[in-house]
């Protein structure tokens, strides 16, 4: 997976959360952003291990 894509999706999710009209939508978008953060961390960790 591409890190740029994950960072982009995280940013979009945070933007959508900020613009959400209700708490339920805001929570859903923030949950998505947290999921992208987890994927980013895992990919960076895997790449660091491969480089070592």
Protein backbone atom coordinates (compact mmCIF):
# COMPACT_ATOMS: atom_id res chain seq x y z
CA UNK A 1 0.00 0.00 0.00
CA UNK A 2 1.15 3.53 -0.70
CA UNK A 3 1.89 5.82 2.25
CA UNK A 4 0.79 8.88 0.29
CA UNK A 5 -2.62 7.32 -0.26
CA UNK A 6 -3.01 6.53 3.43
CA UNK A 7 -1.96 10.05 4.46
CA UNK A 8 -4.39 11.50 1.93
CA UNK A 9 -7.29 9.35 3.18
CA UNK A 10 -6.45 10.26 6.78
CA UNK A 11 -6.56 13.95 5.89
CA UNK A 12 -9.87 13.56 4.06
CA UNK A 13 -11.35 11.70 7.02
CA UNK A 14 -10.26 14.45 9.41
CA UNK A 15 -11.71 17.09 7.09
CA UNK A 16 -15.00 15.21 6.87
CA UNK A 17 -15.06 14.85 10.65
CA UNK A 18 -14.59 18.58 11.06
CA UNK A 19 -17.44 19.26 8.65
CA UNK A 20 -19.79 16.57 9.98
CA UNK A 21 -23.29 17.73 10.79
CA UNK A 22 -23.86 15.24 13.60
CA UNK A 23 -21.86 13.44 16.26
CA UNK A 24 -22.43 10.03 14.69
CA UNK A 25 -20.86 11.11 11.39
CA UNK A 26 -18.01 12.86 13.19
CA UNK A 27 -17.27 9.70 15.17
CA UNK A 28 -17.34 7.52 12.04
CA UNK A 29 -14.87 9.76 10.22
CA UNK A 30 -12.57 9.97 13.24
CA UNK A 31 -12.65 6.19 13.51
CA UNK A 32 -11.62 5.94 9.87
CA UNK A 33 -8.78 8.41 10.48
CA UNK A 34 -7.56 6.31 13.42
CA UNK A 35 -7.63 3.23 11.21
CA UNK A 36 -5.49 4.99 8.62
CA UNK A 37 -3.04 6.04 11.34
CA UNK A 38 -2.73 2.40 12.39
CA UNK A 39 -2.11 1.31 8.80
CA UNK A 40 0.49 4.06 8.34
CA UNK A 41 2.31 2.99 11.50
CA UNK A 42 2.30 -0.65 10.45
CA UNK A 43 3.58 0.10 6.96
CA UNK A 44 6.33 2.37 8.29
CA UNK A 45 7.33 -0.29 10.82
CA UNK A 46 7.46 -2.97 8.10
CA UNK A 47 9.54 -0.75 5.83
CA UNK A 48 11.96 0.05 8.64
CA UNK A 49 12.42 -3.66 9.34
CA UNK A 50 13.03 -4.33 5.64
CA UNK A 51 15.65 -1.60 5.52
CA UNK A 52 17.51 -2.93 8.56
